[in-house]
Protein backbone atom coordinates (compact mmCIF):
# COMPACT_ATOMS: atom_id res chain seq x y z
CA MET A 1 63.95 21.23 -8.42
CA PRO A 2 66.99 19.53 -7.06
CA PRO A 3 70.21 21.79 -6.77
CA LYS A 4 72.65 21.80 -9.65
CA THR A 5 75.36 20.22 -7.47
CA GLU A 6 73.10 17.15 -6.76
CA ILE A 7 72.29 16.76 -10.54
CA GLU A 8 76.11 17.04 -11.41
CA HIS A 9 77.03 14.45 -8.76
CA LEU A 10 74.33 12.06 -10.40
CA VAL A 11 75.88 12.71 -13.83
CA ILE A 12 79.27 12.10 -12.52
CA GLU A 13 78.34 8.74 -10.87
CA THR A 14 76.60 7.67 -14.10
CA VAL A 15 79.55 8.61 -16.29
CA HIS A 16 81.84 6.76 -13.86
CA ARG A 17 79.79 3.56 -13.94
CA LEU A 18 79.66 3.68 -17.72
CA ALA A 19 83.44 4.07 -17.88
CA GLU A 20 83.84 0.97 -15.80
CA ASP A 21 81.28 -0.93 -18.04
CA PHE A 22 82.93 0.18 -21.26
CA GLU A 23 86.58 0.21 -19.92
CA LEU A 24 86.99 4.00 -20.80
CA ALA A 25 90.07 5.24 -19.05
CA ALA A 26 89.34 8.82 -20.10
CA LEU A 27 86.18 8.71 -18.05
CA GLN A 28 87.17 6.91 -14.92
CA VAL A 29 87.57 10.07 -12.80
CA PRO A 30 85.04 12.57 -14.31
CA THR A 31 84.65 16.06 -13.14
CA SER A 32 82.19 18.88 -14.22
CA GLU A 33 84.86 19.82 -17.07
CA THR A 34 85.11 16.33 -18.44
CA ALA A 35 84.39 16.04 -22.10
CA LEU A 36 82.03 13.37 -23.07
CA TYR A 37 80.98 13.51 -26.76
CA GLY A 38 82.19 15.44 -29.84
CA ARG A 39 85.69 16.52 -30.92
CA GLU A 40 87.05 16.36 -27.32
CA GLY A 41 85.00 13.67 -25.86
CA PRO A 42 85.82 9.79 -25.82
CA LEU A 43 82.28 8.56 -26.23
CA ASP A 44 81.15 7.28 -29.60
CA SER A 45 77.60 7.36 -30.64
CA MET A 46 76.77 3.99 -28.94
CA GLY A 47 78.40 5.03 -25.77
CA LEU A 48 76.38 8.24 -25.83
CA VAL A 49 73.14 6.35 -26.34
CA ASN A 50 74.02 4.14 -23.27
CA LEU A 51 74.82 7.25 -21.23
CA ILE A 52 71.63 9.00 -22.23
CA SER A 53 69.63 5.89 -21.35
CA ASP A 54 71.49 5.46 -18.07
CA LEU A 55 70.99 9.12 -17.11
CA GLU A 56 67.17 9.16 -17.93
CA ASP A 57 66.86 5.97 -15.79
CA ALA A 58 68.84 7.59 -12.88
CA VAL A 59 66.65 10.53 -12.90
CA ALA A 60 63.67 8.50 -13.02
CA GLU A 61 64.82 6.42 -10.01
CA LYS A 62 66.19 9.11 -7.91
CA TYR A 63 63.49 11.86 -8.42
CA ASN A 64 60.42 9.87 -9.69
CA THR A 65 60.24 11.91 -12.83
CA HIS A 66 60.83 11.14 -16.58
CA ILE A 67 62.90 13.36 -18.81
CA SER A 68 64.00 12.93 -22.41
CA LEU A 69 67.55 13.91 -23.14
CA ALA A 70 67.25 12.81 -26.93
CA ASP A 71 64.75 15.36 -27.95
CA GLU A 72 64.41 17.90 -30.72
CA LYS A 73 65.74 20.69 -28.53
CA ALA A 74 69.00 18.58 -27.88
CA MET A 75 69.42 17.56 -31.43
CA SER A 76 69.01 21.11 -32.91
CA ALA A 77 70.93 22.88 -30.31
CA GLU A 78 73.90 24.96 -31.68
CA ARG A 79 76.05 23.73 -28.74
CA SER A 80 75.48 20.04 -27.92
CA PRO A 81 74.28 19.30 -24.56
CA TYR A 82 76.26 16.02 -24.71
CA ARG A 83 79.71 17.73 -24.93
CA SER A 84 80.70 17.65 -21.30
CA VAL A 85 79.42 16.67 -17.73
CA GLU A 86 78.57 20.27 -17.16
CA SER A 87 76.36 20.76 -20.26
CA MET A 88 74.73 17.40 -19.62
CA THR A 89 73.95 18.54 -16.01
CA ASP A 90 72.42 21.66 -17.40
CA ALA A 91 70.42 19.68 -20.03
CA ILE A 92 68.88 17.51 -17.19
CA LEU A 93 68.12 20.69 -15.10
CA GLU A 94 66.26 22.22 -18.04
CA ARG A 95 64.14 19.29 -18.47
CA MET A 96 63.23 18.76 -14.70
CA PRO A 97 59.77 19.82 -13.75
CA GLY A 98 59.66 23.06 -12.12
């Protein structure tokens, strides 16, 4: 399994590209604490769907493995894995094969 810092870097790069594509100033310089979705986050539901798809593709390309970030576990979680860069990083790590 890749280290958390490597996955976090992948999430940050992906968020930055999405911010450029959607012209989202709030996400231009993301860090681990950057809010993504929910009360604090700048993404709407369409932006979130794009980010999830981009992240799943990035993981598949870099690690030759397929994960699903829009699964029942994520949808039923008490604390959304989509709320920040850090929580998204943790969600990816949980889904990576051991």
